[in-house]
Amino acid sequence: MRALNTVYAAALEDSVTYRHDCPDNGWLAGQLGKEWVILLVAELDARIVGGPTAYELPKLEAARSEIYLYDLAVVETYRRRGIATSLIKEVQHIVAETGA
């Protein structure tokens, strides 16, 4: 997650939000263990080069959930290779499995 936050910081030009030093390991592990958090990474050349963060959110207007794709980024030198498209397709696969 820390490596992916570094990707987000560069791609979104927002190093304040996506600081490498926070949150602490305990908090981060707790959040990543929640079933409604969807985190994927693309790894090439032994490094994290992209990924999405998505969340399953229960709705109040109907008895259903929706998946929100919150962040998605790919390292600039790895763009235009279909990485983001592949990641989105995998999120869609997860959405289909959850019924959201």
PDB file of N, CA and C in Angstrom:
ATOM      1  N   MET A   1       0.831  -1.191   0.000  1.00  0.00           N
ATOM      2  CA  MET A   1       0.000   0.000   0.000  1.00  0.00           C
ATOM      3  C   MET A   1       0.865   1.239   0.000  1.00  0.00           C
ATOM      4  N   ARG A   2       1.945   1.198   0.726  1.00  0.00           N
ATOM      5  CA  ARG A   2       2.828   2.370   0.746  1.00  0.00           C
ATOM      6  C   ARG A   2       3.404   2.636  -0.645  1.00  0.00           C
ATOM      7  N   ALA A   3       3.803   1.581  -1.342  1.00  0.00           N
ATOM      8  CA  ALA A   3       4.332   1.756  -2.700  1.00  0.00           C
ATOM      9  C   ALA A   3       3.247   2.298  -3.626  1.00  0.00           C
ATOM     10  N   LEU A   4       2.025   1.809  -3.464  1.00  0.00           N
ATOM     11  CA  LEU A   4       0.932   2.314  -4.296  1.00  0.00           C
ATOM     12  C   LEU A   4       0.631   3.771  -3.960  1.00  0.00           C
ATOM     13  N   ASN A   5       0.703   4.138  -2.692  1.00  0.00           N
ATOM     14  CA  ASN A   5       0.509   5.549  -2.340  1.00  0.00           C
ATOM     15  C   ASN A   5       1.561   6.437  -3.002  1.00  0.00           C
ATOM     16  N   THR A   6       2.773   5.933  -3.155  1.00  0.00           N
ATOM     17  CA  THR A   6       3.819   6.691  -3.849  1.00  0.00           C
ATOM     18  C   THR A   6       3.441   6.893  -5.308  1.00  0.00           C
ATOM     19  N   VAL A   7       2.871   5.853  -5.923  1.00  0.00           N
ATOM     20  CA  VAL A   7       2.395   5.962  -7.310  1.00  0.00           C
ATOM     21  C   VAL A   7       1.288   7.002  -7.392  1.00  0.00           C
ATOM     22  N   TYR A   8       0.324   6.934  -6.470  1.00  0.00           N
ATOM     23  CA  TYR A   8      -0.769   7.913  -6.453  1.00  0.00           C
ATOM     24  C   TYR A   8      -0.233   9.334  -6.282  1.00  0.00           C
ATOM     25  N   ALA A   9       0.695   9.520  -5.365  1.00  0.00           N
ATOM     26  CA  ALA A   9       1.245  10.858  -5.106  1.00  0.00           C
ATOM     27  C   ALA A   9       1.844  11.464  -6.364  1.00  0.00           C
ATOM     28  N   ALA A  10       2.600  10.679  -7.104  1.00  0.00           N
ATOM     29  CA  ALA A  10       3.232  11.186  -8.328  1.00  0.00           C
ATOM     30  C   ALA A  10       2.207  11.416  -9.424  1.00  0.00           C
ATOM     31  N   ALA A  11       1.356  10.446  -9.659  1.00  0.00           N
ATOM     32  CA  ALA A  11       0.401  10.538 -10.767  1.00  0.00           C
ATOM     33  C   ALA A  11      -0.645  11.624 -10.543  1.00  0.00           C
ATOM     34  N   LEU A  12      -1.063  11.768  -9.298  1.00  0.00           N
ATOM     35  CA  LEU A  12      -2.109  12.752  -8.982  1.00  0.00           C
ATOM     36  C   LEU A  12      -1.539  14.081  -8.500  1.00  0.00           C
ATOM     37  N   GLU A  13      -0.210  14.152  -8.473  1.00  0.00           N
ATOM     38  CA  GLU A  13       0.492  15.364  -8.020  1.00  0.00           C
ATOM     39  C   GLU A  13      -0.051  15.834  -6.671  1.00  0.00           C
ATOM     40  N   ASP A  14      -0.091  14.890  -5.726  1.00  0.00           N
ATOM     41  CA  ASP A  14      -0.650  15.175  -4.410  1.00  0.00           C
ATOM     42  C   ASP A  14       0.137  14.424  -3.333  1.00  0.00           C
ATOM     43  N   SER A  15       1.329  14.905  -3.063  1.00  0.00           N
ATOM     44  CA  SER A  15       2.178  14.235  -2.072  1.00  0.00           C
ATOM     45  C   SER A  15       1.712  14.477  -0.639  1.00  0.00           C
ATOM     46  N   VAL A  16       0.846  15.450  -0.418  1.00  0.00           N
ATOM     47  CA  VAL A  16       0.332  15.695   0.926  1.00  0.00           C
ATOM     48  C   VAL A  16      -0.665  14.597   1.309  1.00  0.00           C
ATOM     49  N   THR A  17      -1.614  14.304   0.430  1.00  0.00           N
ATOM     50  CA  THR A  17      -2.616  13.280   0.716  1.00  0.00           C
ATOM     51  C   THR A  17      -1.998  11.893   0.750  1.00  0.00           C
ATOM     52  N   TYR A  18      -1.107  11.609  -0.187  1.00  0.00           N
ATOM     53  CA  TYR A  18      -0.558  10.261  -0.345  1.00  0.00           C
ATOM     54  C   TYR A  18       0.858  10.160   0.215  1.00  0.00           C
ATOM     55  N   ARG A  19       1.032  10.638   1.427  1.00  0.00           N
ATOM     56  CA  ARG A  19       2.346  10.594   2.062  1.00  0.00           C
ATOM     57  C   ARG A  19       2.773   9.160   2.286  1.00  0.00           C
ATOM     58  N   HIS A  20       4.039   8.891   2.106  1.00  0.00           N
ATOM     59  CA  HIS A  20       4.584   7.549   2.274  1.00  0.00           C
ATOM     60  C   HIS A  20       4.672   7.149   3.749  1.00  0.00           C
ATOM     61  N   ASP A  21       4.695   8.123   4.646  1.00  0.00           N
ATOM     62  CA  ASP A  21       4.929   7.839   6.063  1.00  0.00           C
ATOM     63  C   ASP A  21       3.667   7.636   6.891  1.00  0.00           C
ATOM     64  N   CYS A  22       2.500   7.712   6.316  1.00  0.00           N
ATOM     65  CA  CYS A  22       1.312   7.512   7.121  1.00  0.00           C
ATOM     66  C   CYS A  22       0.273   6.751   6.320  1.00  0.00           C
ATOM     67  N   PRO A  23      -0.610   6.051   6.906  1.00  0.00           N
ATOM     68  CA  PRO A  23      -0.802   5.825   8.330  1.00  0.00           C
ATOM     69  C   PRO A  23       0.163   4.783   8.880  1.00  0.00           C
ATOM     70  N   ASP A  24       0.098   4.571  10.196  1.00  0.00           N
ATOM     71  CA  ASP A  24       1.021   3.596  10.780  1.00  0.00           C
ATOM     72  C   ASP A  24       0.615   2.176  10.372  1.00  0.00           C
ATOM     73  N   ASN A  25       1.525   1.239  10.576  1.00  0.00           N
ATOM     74  CA  ASN A  25       1.331  -0.135  10.108  1.00  0.00           C
ATOM     75  C   ASN A  25       0.092  -0.803  10.690  1.00  0.00           C
ATOM     76  N   GLY A  26      -0.182  -0.596  11.963  1.00  0.00           N
ATOM     77  CA  GLY A  26      -1.340  -1.221  12.590  1.00  0.00           C
ATOM     78  C   GLY A  26      -2.646  -0.740  11.997  1.00  0.00           C
ATOM     79  N   TRP A  27      -2.766   0.558  11.847  1.00  0.00           N
ATOM     80  CA  TRP A  27      -3.989   1.124  11.276  1.00  0.00           C
ATOM     81  C   TRP A  27      -4.171   0.664   9.836  1.00  0.00           C
ATOM     82  N   LEU A  28      -3.091   0.725   9.076  1.00  0.00           N
ATOM     83  CA  LEU A  28      -3.148   0.323   7.668  1.00  0.00           C
ATOM     84  C   LEU A  28      -3.534  -1.150   7.532  1.00  0.00           C
ATOM     85  N   ALA A  29      -2.945  -2.019   8.327  1.00  0.00           N
ATOM     86  CA  ALA A  29      -3.273  -3.448   8.274  1.00  0.00           C
ATOM     87  C   ALA A  29      -4.739  -3.681   8.622  1.00  0.00           C
ATOM     88  N   GLY A  30      -5.237  -2.952   9.600  1.00  0.00           N
ATOM     89  CA  GLY A  30      -6.643  -3.077   9.967  1.00  0.00           C
ATOM     90  C   GLY A  30      -7.579  -2.691   8.839  1.00  0.00           C
ATOM     91  N   GLN A  31      -7.268  -1.612   8.161  1.00  0.00           N
ATOM     92  CA  GLN A  31      -8.113  -1.162   7.045  1.00  0.00           C
ATOM     93  C   GLN A  31      -8.049  -2.133   5.873  1.00  0.00           C
ATOM     94  N   LEU A  32      -6.850  -2.614   5.573  1.00  0.00           N
ATOM     95  CA  LEU A  32      -6.692  -3.529   4.442  1.00  0.00           C
ATOM     96  C   LEU A  32      -7.351  -4.876   4.704  1.00  0.00           C
ATOM     97  N   GLY A  33      -7.591  -5.200   5.960  1.00  0.00           N
ATOM     98  CA  GLY A  33      -8.253  -6.446   6.304  1.00  0.00           C
ATOM     99  C   GLY A  33      -9.769  -6.396   6.196  1.00  0.00           C
ATOM    100  N   LYS A  34     -10.319  -5.247   5.944  1.00  0.00           N
ATOM    101  CA  LYS A  34     -11.771  -5.114   5.849  1.00  0.00           C
ATOM    102  C   LYS A  34     -12.246  -5.586   4.476  1.00  0.00           C
ATOM    103  N   GLU A  35     -13.323  -6.372   4.482  1.00  0.00           N
ATOM    104  CA  GLU A  35     -13.777  -6.973   3.224  1.00  0.00           C
ATOM    105  C   GLU A  35     -14.343  -5.948   2.243  1.00  0.00           C
ATOM    106  N   TRP A  36     -14.693  -4.775   2.676  1.00  0.00           N
ATOM    107  CA  TRP A  36     -15.243  -3.768   1.771  1.00  0.00           C
ATOM    108  C   TRP A  36     -14.171  -2.906   1.108  1.00  0.00           C
ATOM    109  N   VAL A  37     -12.912  -3.130   1.462  1.00  0.00           N
ATOM    110  CA  VAL A  37     -11.802  -2.423   0.831  1.00  0.00           C
ATOM    111  C   VAL A  37     -11.253  -3.316  -0.295  1.00  0.00           C
ATOM    112  N   ILE A  38     -11.184  -2.767  -1.479  1.00  0.00           N
ATOM    113  CA  ILE A  38     -10.672  -3.492  -2.632  1.00  0.00           C
ATOM    114  C   ILE A  38      -9.400  -2.802  -3.095  1.00  0.00           C
ATOM    115  N   LEU A  39      -8.306  -3.523  -3.016  1.00  0.00           N
ATOM    116  CA  LEU A  39      -7.011  -2.968  -3.394  1.00  0.00           C
ATOM    117  C   LEU A  39      -6.311  -3.961  -4.307  1.00  0.00           C
ATOM    118  N   LEU A  40      -5.913  -3.491  -5.460  1.00  0.00           N
ATOM    119  CA  LEU A  40      -5.165  -4.308  -6.404  1.00  0.00           C
ATOM    120  C   LEU A  40      -3.883  -3.567  -6.755  1.00  0.00           C
ATOM    121  N   VAL A  41      -2.875  -4.307  -7.158  1.00  0.00           N
ATOM    122  CA  VAL A  41      -1.655  -3.674  -7.648  1.00  0.00           C
ATOM    123  C   VAL A  41      -1.192  -4.365  -8.915  1.00  0.00           C
ATOM    124  N   ALA A  42      -0.538  -3.596  -9.758  1.00  0.00           N
ATOM    125  CA  ALA A  42       0.149  -4.131 -10.925  1.00  0.00           C
ATOM    126  C   ALA A  42       1.636  -4.065 -10.611  1.00  0.00           C
ATOM    127  N   GLU A  43       2.301  -5.186 -10.787  1.00  0.00           N
ATOM    128  CA  GLU A  43       3.729  -5.255 -10.490  1.00  0.00           C
ATOM    129  C   GLU A  43       4.473  -5.676 -11.752  1.00  0.00           C
ATOM    130  N   LEU A  44       5.440  -4.889 -12.132  1.00  0.00           N
ATOM    131  CA  LEU A  44       6.307  -5.176 -13.274  1.00  0.00           C
ATOM    132  C   LEU A  44       7.731  -4.820 -12.891  1.00  0.00           C
ATOM    133  N   ASP A  45       8.651  -5.557 -13.409  1.00  0.00           N
ATOM    134  CA  ASP A  45      10.064  -5.282 -13.135  1.00  0.00           C
ATOM    135  C   ASP A  45      10.336  -5.168 -11.637  1.00  0.00           C
ATOM    136  N   ALA A  46       9.665  -6.022 -10.855  1.00  0.00           N
ATOM    137  CA  ALA A  46       9.844  -6.093  -9.401  1.00  0.00           C
ATOM    138  C   ALA A  46       9.471  -4.799  -8.674  1.00  0.00           C
ATOM    139  N   ARG A  47       8.526  -4.043  -9.238  1.00  0.00           N
ATOM    140  CA  ARG A  47       8.048  -2.852  -8.525  1.00  0.00           C
ATOM    141  C   ARG A  47       6.568  -2.643  -8.796  1.00  0.00           C
ATOM    142  N   ILE A  48       5.906  -1.996  -7.854  1.00  0.00           N
ATOM    143  CA  ILE A  48       4.496  -1.648  -8.000  1.00  0.00           C
ATOM    144  C   ILE A  48       4.420  -0.496  -8.987  1.00  0.00           C
ATOM    145  N   VAL A  49       3.700  -0.707 -10.093  1.00  0.00           N
ATOM    146  CA  VAL A  49       3.627   0.325 -11.129  1.00  0.00           C
ATOM    147  C   VAL A  49       2.226   0.915 -11.275  1.00  0.00           C
ATOM    148  N   GLY A  50       1.277   0.401 -10.508  1.00  0.00           N
ATOM    149  CA  GLY A  50      -0.054   0.970 -10.585  1.00  0.00           C
ATOM    150  C   GLY A  50      -1.039   0.187  -9.756  1.00  0.00           C
ATOM    151  N   GLY A  51      -2.240   0.734  -9.687  1.00  0.00           N
ATOM    152  CA  GLY A  51      -3.295   0.035  -8.977  1.00  0.00           C
ATOM    153  C   GLY A  51      -4.490   0.919  -8.707  1.00  0.00           C
ATOM    154  N   PRO A  52      -5.600   0.275  -8.416  1.00  0.00           N
ATOM    155  CA  PRO A  52      -6.796   0.990  -7.983  1.00  0.00           C
ATOM    156  C   PRO A  52      -7.074   0.733  -6.506  1.00  0.00           C
ATOM    157  N   THR A  53      -7.755   1.666  -5.899  1.00  0.00           N
ATOM    158  CA  THR A  53      -8.363   1.469  -4.589  1.00  0.00           C
ATOM    159  C   THR A  53      -9.850   1.696  -4.784  1.00  0.00           C
ATOM    160  N   ALA A  54     -10.646   0.735  -4.358  1.00  0.00           N
ATOM    161  CA  ALA A  54     -12.096   0.836  -4.497  1.00  0.00           C
ATOM    162  C   ALA A  54     -12.732   0.425  -3.169  1.00  0.00           C
ATOM    163  N   TYR A  55     -13.984   0.830  -3.003  1.00  0.00           N
ATOM    164  CA  TYR A  55     -14.703   0.540  -1.771  1.00  0.00           C
ATOM    165  C   TYR A  55     -16.106   0.065  -2.083  1.00  0.00           C
ATOM    166  N   GLU A  56     -16.559  -0.958  -1.361  1.00  0.00           N
ATOM    167  CA  GLU A  56     -17.945  -1.383  -1.469  1.00  0.00           C
ATOM    168  C   GLU A  56     -18.744  -0.615  -0.419  1.00  0.00           C
ATOM    169  N   LEU A  57     -19.763   0.085  -0.874  1.00  0.00           N
ATOM    170  CA  LEU A  57     -20.571   0.907   0.030  1.00  0.00           C
ATOM    171  C   LEU A  57     -22.033   0.471  -0.007  1.00  0.00           C
ATOM    172  N   PRO A  58     -22.590   0.133   1.154  1.00  0.00           N
ATOM    173  CA  PRO A  58     -24.011  -0.197   1.189  1.00  0.00           C
ATOM    174  C   PRO A  58     -24.837   1.070   0.966  1.00  0.00           C
ATOM    175  N   LYS A  59     -25.888   0.932   0.199  1.00  0.00           N
ATOM    176  CA  LYS A  59     -26.747   2.075  -0.112  1.00  0.00           C
ATOM    177  C   LYS A  59     -27.909   2.137   0.876  1.00  0.00           C
ATOM    178  N   LEU A  60     -28.488   3.292   1.030  1.00  0.00           N
ATOM    179  CA  LEU A  60     -29.627   3.473   1.919  1.00  0.00           C
ATOM    180  C   LEU A  60     -30.944   3.549   1.168  1.00  0.00           C
ATOM    181  N   GLU A  61     -30.902   3.896  -0.105  1.00  0.00           N
ATOM    182  CA  GLU A  61     -32.129   4.033  -0.879  1.00  0.00           C
ATOM    183  C   GLU A  61     -32.619   2.709  -1.446  1.00  0.00           C
ATOM    184  N   ALA A  62     -31.788   1.679  -1.360  1.00  0.00           N
ATOM    185  CA  ALA A  62     -32.164   0.351  -1.845  1.00  0.00           C
ATOM    186  C   ALA A  62     -31.307  -0.680  -1.113  1.00  0.00           C
ATOM    187  N   ALA A  63     -31.785  -1.917  -1.079  1.00  0.00           N
ATOM    188  CA  ALA A  63     -31.050  -2.993  -0.407  1.00  0.00           C
ATOM    189  C   ALA A  63     -29.988  -3.531  -1.357  1.00  0.00           C
ATOM    190  N   ARG A  64     -28.933  -2.750  -1.528  1.00  0.00           N
ATOM    191  CA  ARG A  64     -27.857  -3.132  -2.433  1.00  0.00           C
ATOM    192  C   ARG A  64     -26.595  -2.373  -2.055  1.00  0.00           C
ATOM    193  N   SER A  65     -25.518  -2.747  -2.675  1.00  0.00           N
ATOM    194  CA  SER A  65     -24.250  -2.042  -2.496  1.00  0.00           C
ATOM    195  C   SER A  65     -23.734  -1.594  -3.845  1.00  0.00           C
ATOM    196  N   GLU A  66     -22.862  -0.618  -3.821  1.00  0.00           N
ATOM    197  CA  GLU A  66     -22.177  -0.159  -5.024  1.00  0.00           C
ATOM    198  C   GLU A  66     -20.688  -0.160  -4.745  1.00  0.00           C
ATOM    199  N   ILE A  67     -19.926  -0.360  -5.800  1.00  0.00           N
ATOM    200  CA  ILE A  67     -18.470  -0.292  -5.695  1.00  0.00           C
ATOM    201  C   ILE A  67     -18.042   1.065  -6.247  1.00  0.00           C
ATOM    202  N   TYR A  68     -17.261   1.783  -5.477  1.00  0.00           N
ATOM    203  CA  TYR A  68     -16.728   3.072  -5.904  1.00  0.00           C
ATOM    204  C   TYR A  68     -15.237   2.936  -6.160  1.00  0.00           C
ATOM    205  N   LEU A  69     -14.840   3.219  -7.370  1.00  0.00           N
ATOM    206  CA  LEU A  69     -13.424   3.243  -7.728  1.00  0.00           C
ATOM    207  C   LEU A  69     -12.902   4.607  -7.310  1.00  0.00           C
ATOM    208  N   TYR A  70     -12.132   4.632  -6.250  1.00  0.00           N
ATOM    209  CA  TYR A  70     -11.721   5.886  -5.633  1.00  0.00           C
ATOM    210  C   TYR A  70     -10.436   6.430  -6.230  1.00  0.00           C
ATOM    211  N   ASP A  71      -9.429   5.588  -6.348  1.00  0.00           N
ATOM    212  CA  ASP A  71      -8.146   6.006  -6.921  1.00  0.00           C
ATOM    213  C   ASP A  71      -7.726   4.985  -7.970  1.00  0.00           C
ATOM    214  N   LEU A  72      -7.051   5.477  -8.989  1.00  0.00           N
ATOM    215  CA  LEU A  72      -6.458   4.610 -10.007  1.00  0.00           C
ATOM    216  C   LEU A  72      -5.301   5.377 -10.623  1.00  0.00           C
ATOM    217  N   ALA A  73      -4.140   4.755 -10.631  1.00  0.00           N
ATOM    218  CA  ALA A  73      -2.971   5.416 -11.226  1.00  0.00           C
ATOM    219  C   ALA A  73      -1.987   4.368 -11.721  1.00  0.00           C
ATOM    220  N   VAL A  74      -1.189   4.785 -12.705  1.00  0.00           N
ATOM    221  CA  VAL A  74      -0.104   3.970 -13.243  1.00  0.00           C
ATOM    222  C   VAL A  74       1.106   4.886 -13.374  1.00  0.00           C
ATOM    223  N   VAL A  75       2.272   4.370 -13.005  1.00  0.00           N
ATOM    224  CA  VAL A  75       3.517   5.128 -13.145  1.00  0.00           C
ATOM    225  C   VAL A  75       3.651   5.578 -14.602  1.00  0.00           C
ATOM    226  N   GLU A  76       4.046   6.816 -14.788  1.00  0.00           N
ATOM    227  CA  GLU A  76       4.069   7.417 -16.128  1.00  0.00           C
ATOM    228  C   GLU A  76       4.824   6.576 -17.161  1.00  0.00           C
ATOM    229  N   THR A  77       5.960   6.038 -16.810  1.00  0.00           N
ATOM    230  CA  THR A  77       6.751   5.277 -17.788  1.00  0.00           C
ATOM    231  C   THR A  77       6.119   3.930 -18.147  1.00  0.00           C
ATOM    232  N   TYR A  78       5.087   3.520 -17.437  1.00  0.00           N
ATOM    233  CA  TYR A  78       4.406   2.262 -17.717  1.00  0.00           C
ATOM    234  C   TYR A  78       3.021   2.467 -18.322  1.00  0.00           C
ATOM    235  N   ARG A  79       2.674   3.678 -18.607  1.00  0.00           N
ATOM    236  CA  ARG A  79       1.353   3.960 -19.176  1.00  0.00           C
ATOM    237  C   ARG A  79       1.286   3.546 -20.643  1.00  0.00           C
ATOM    238  N   ARG A  80       0.069   3.443 -21.136  1.00  0.00           N
ATOM    239  CA  ARG A  80      -0.216   3.101 -22.540  1.00  0.00           C
ATOM    240  C   ARG A  80       0.149   1.649 -22.844  1.00  0.00           C
ATOM    241  N   ARG A  81       0.111   0.801 -21.812  1.00  0.00           N
ATOM    242  CA  ARG A  81       0.386  -0.629 -21.979  1.00  0.00           C
ATOM    243  C   ARG A  81      -0.820  -1.488 -21.612  1.00  0.00           C
ATOM    244  N   GLY A  82      -1.934  -0.843 -21.301  1.00  0.00           N
ATOM    245  CA  GLY A  82      -3.141  -1.584 -20.934  1.00  0.00           C
ATOM    246  C   GLY A  82      -3.221  -1.959 -19.467  1.00  0.00           C
ATOM    247  N   ILE A  83      -2.327  -1.414 -18.651  1.00  0.00           N
ATOM    248  CA  ILE A  83      -2.313  -1.774 -17.228  1.00  0.00           C
ATOM    249  C   ILE A  83      -3.584  -1.288 -16.532  1.00  0.00           C
ATOM    250  N   ALA A  84      -3.928  -0.032 -16.716  1.00  0.00           N
ATOM    251  CA  ALA A  84      -5.127   0.506 -16.058  1.00  0.00           C
ATOM    252  C   ALA A  84      -6.380  -0.221 -16.547  1.00  0.00           C
ATOM    253  N   THR A  85      -6.445  -0.506 -17.828  1.00  0.00           N
ATOM    254  CA  THR A  85      -7.592  -1.231 -18.379  1.00  0.00           C
ATOM    255  C   THR A  85      -7.708  -2.611 -17.741  1.00  0.00           C
ATOM    256  N   SER A  86      -6.601  -3.300 -17.600  1.00  0.00           N
ATOM    257  CA  SER A  86      -6.610  -4.624 -16.967  1.00  0.00           C
ATOM    258  C   SER A  86      -7.047  -4.542 -15.510  1.00  0.00           C
ATOM    259  N   LEU A  87      -6.590  -3.528 -14.818  1.00  0.00           N
ATOM    260  CA  LEU A  87      -6.973  -3.352 -13.420  1.00  0.00           C
ATOM    261  C   LEU A  87      -8.460  -3.056 -13.290  1.00  0.00           C
ATOM    262  N   ILE A  88      -8.988  -2.229 -14.157  1.00  0.00           N
ATOM    263  CA  ILE A  88     -10.419  -1.918 -14.134  1.00  0.00           C
ATOM    264  C   ILE A  88     -11.233  -3.182 -14.415  1.00  0.00           C
ATOM    265  N   LYS A  89     -10.784  -3.978 -15.374  1.00  0.00           N
ATOM    266  CA  LYS A  89     -11.492  -5.227 -15.671  1.00  0.00           C
ATOM    267  C   LYS A  89     -11.502  -6.163 -14.468  1.00  0.00           C
ATOM    268  N   GLU A  90     -10.417  -6.190 -13.719  1.00  0.00           N
ATOM    269  CA  GLU A  90     -10.375  -7.032 -12.526  1.00  0.00           C
ATOM    270  C   GLU A  90     -11.320  -6.492 -11.452  1.00  0.00           C
ATOM    271  N   VAL A  91     -11.404  -5.170 -11.309  1.00  0.00           N
ATOM    272  CA  VAL A  91     -12.379  -4.590 -10.371  1.00  0.00           C
ATOM    273  C   VAL A  91     -13.784  -4.976 -10.821  1.00  0.00           C
ATOM    274  N   GLN A  92     -14.053  -4.928 -12.115  1.00  0.00           N
ATOM    275  CA  GLN A  92     -15.381  -5.320 -12.621  1.00  0.00           C
ATOM    276  C   GLN A  92     -15.682  -6.784 -12.299  1.00  0.00           C
ATOM    277  N   HIS A  93     -14.673  -7.637 -12.382  1.00  0.00           N
ATOM    278  CA  HIS A  93     -14.833  -9.042 -12.036  1.00  0.00           C
ATOM    279  C   HIS A  93     -15.196  -9.190 -10.555  1.00  0.00           C
ATOM    280  N   ILE A  94     -14.528  -8.440  -9.712  1.00  0.00           N
ATOM    281  CA  ILE A  94     -14.826  -8.460  -8.276  1.00  0.00           C
ATOM    282  C   ILE A  94     -16.237  -7.959  -8.026  1.00  0.00           C
ATOM    283  N   VAL A  95     -16.643  -6.908  -8.721  1.00  0.00           N
ATOM    284  CA  VAL A  95     -17.993  -6.365  -8.587  1.00  0.00           C
ATOM    285  C   VAL A  95     -19.019  -7.445  -8.927  1.00  0.00           C
ATOM    286  N   ALA A  96     -18.785  -8.152 -10.021  1.00  0.00           N
ATOM    287  CA  ALA A  96     -19.712  -9.209 -10.423  1.00  0.00           C
ATOM    288  C   ALA A  96     -19.797 -10.304  -9.357  1.00  0.00           C
ATOM    289  N   GLU A  97     -18.674 -10.657  -8.762  1.00  0.00           N
ATOM    290  CA  GLU A  97     -18.654 -11.689  -7.721  1.00  0.00           C
ATOM    291  C   GLU A  97     -19.409 -11.266  -6.469  1.00  0.00           C
ATOM    292  N   THR A  98     -19.332  -9.980  -6.128  1.00  0.00           N
ATOM    293  CA  THR A  98     -19.999  -9.507  -4.913  1.00  0.00           C
ATOM    294  C   THR A  98     -21.493  -9.246  -5.124  1.00  0.00           C
ATOM    295  N   GLY A  99     -21.902  -9.098  -6.374  1.00  0.00           N
ATOM    296  CA  GLY A  99     -23.284  -8.774  -6.656  1.00  0.00           C
ATOM    297  C   GLY A  99     -23.596  -7.305  -6.480  1.00  0.00           C
ATOM    298  N   ALA A 100     -22.579  -6.510  -6.264  1.00  0.00           N
ATOM    299  CA  ALA A 100     -22.798  -5.055  -6.089  1.00  0.00           C
ATOM    300  C   ALA A 100     -23.148  -4.425  -7.428  1.00  0.00           C
TER     301      ALA A 100
END
